[in-house]
Amino acid sequence: MNSNSTVYWSNLNEDNEIEFKTFPIRLTFIYVKEGSIFVNGTELGPNDQARMTDDHVVHIRAAKDSQFILIDLPASESNY
């Protein structure tokens, strides 16, 4: 498969924060496996997901010890 995508697995401890920088030609998808995180101020729990199309910076803060997957992918086929 050639899709120019990157998959990140994260374990984020309670009250820790990360920042993911992206570009307008990219999409960001987050799936929460365990715990609770805030993504740009919106709380997500287990099995929740977020899809971002216009955010150039994604702020993620763990409300509890958490595990999540972040996928960075092209917004269109021409960006492969």
Protein backbone atom coordinates (compact mmCIF):
# COMPACT_ATOMS: atom_id res chain seq x y z
CA MET A 1 0.00 0.00 0.00
CA ASN A 2 1.37 3.41 -0.93
CA SER A 3 -0.68 6.16 0.64
CA ASN A 4 1.85 8.62 2.10
CA SER A 5 0.27 8.14 5.53
CA THR A 6 1.86 7.88 8.95
CA VAL A 7 0.35 6.02 11.91
CA TYR A 8 1.39 7.01 15.44
CA TRP A 9 0.63 4.99 18.59
CA SER A 10 0.72 7.06 21.77
CA ASN A 11 0.67 6.34 25.48
CA LEU A 12 0.05 9.66 27.19
CA ASN A 13 0.10 9.96 30.98
CA GLU A 14 -2.49 11.98 32.88
CA ASP A 15 -2.03 15.79 32.58
CA ASN A 16 0.68 15.45 29.91
CA GLU A 17 0.27 17.28 26.61
CA ILE A 18 1.55 16.94 23.08
CA GLU A 19 1.22 19.10 19.99
CA PHE A 20 1.02 17.65 16.48
CA LYS A 21 1.73 20.04 13.62
CA THR A 22 0.27 19.34 10.21
CA PHE A 23 -0.38 21.09 6.88
CA PRO A 24 -3.49 22.20 4.94
CA ILE A 25 -2.99 19.36 2.44
CA ARG A 26 -3.13 16.76 5.26
CA LEU A 27 -5.92 15.21 7.35
CA THR A 28 -5.63 14.02 10.94
CA PHE A 29 -7.60 11.13 12.42
CA ILE A 30 -7.48 10.18 16.13
CA TYR A 31 -8.92 7.03 17.70
CA VAL A 32 -8.91 6.65 21.50
CA LYS A 33 -8.25 3.11 22.72
CA GLU A 34 -8.10 3.73 26.51
CA GLY A 35 -8.42 6.64 28.89
CA SER A 36 -9.59 10.17 28.18
CA ILE A 37 -7.97 12.94 26.13
CA PHE A 38 -8.84 16.46 25.09
CA VAL A 39 -8.24 17.19 21.40
CA ASN A 40 -8.27 20.94 20.72
CA GLY A 41 -10.54 21.32 23.77
CA THR A 42 -12.98 18.49 22.96
CA GLU A 43 -13.00 15.51 25.31
CA LEU A 44 -12.75 12.02 23.83
CA GLY A 45 -13.09 8.73 25.70
CA PRO A 46 -12.55 5.06 24.84
CA ASN A 47 -13.63 4.18 21.29
CA ASP A 48 -14.23 7.86 20.41
CA GLN A 49 -12.66 9.35 17.33
CA ALA A 50 -11.90 12.77 15.88
CA ARG A 51 -11.32 13.78 12.28
CA MET A 52 -9.66 17.11 11.56
CA THR A 53 -9.50 18.77 8.18
CA ASP A 54 -8.68 22.42 8.85
CA ASP A 55 -6.52 22.29 11.98
CA HIS A 56 -2.85 23.03 11.40
CA VAL A 57 -1.92 22.27 15.01
CA VAL A 58 -3.57 19.54 17.07
CA HIS A 59 -3.29 19.97 20.85
CA ILE A 60 -3.77 16.76 22.82
CA ARG A 61 -3.94 16.60 26.63
CA ALA A 62 -4.56 13.46 28.68
CA ALA A 63 -7.30 13.76 31.33
CA LYS A 64 -6.38 10.19 32.40
CA ASP A 65 -3.60 7.81 31.41
CA SER A 66 -4.50 7.18 27.78
CA GLN A 67 -3.69 5.23 24.65
CA PHE A 68 -4.63 6.52 21.22
CA ILE A 69 -3.77 6.23 17.56
CA LEU A 70 -3.12 9.31 15.42
CA ILE A 71 -3.13 8.92 11.65
CA ASP A 72 -1.72 11.64 9.40
CA LEU A 73 -2.91 11.20 5.80
CA PRO A 74 -3.19 13.13 2.55
CA ALA A 75 -6.33 15.18 1.97
CA SER A 76 -6.57 14.04 -1.66
CA GLU A 77 -5.02 11.49 -4.00
CA SER A 78 -2.95 14.18 -5.68
CA ASN A 79 -1.01 14.60 -2.41
CA TYR A 80 0.32 11.05 -2.43
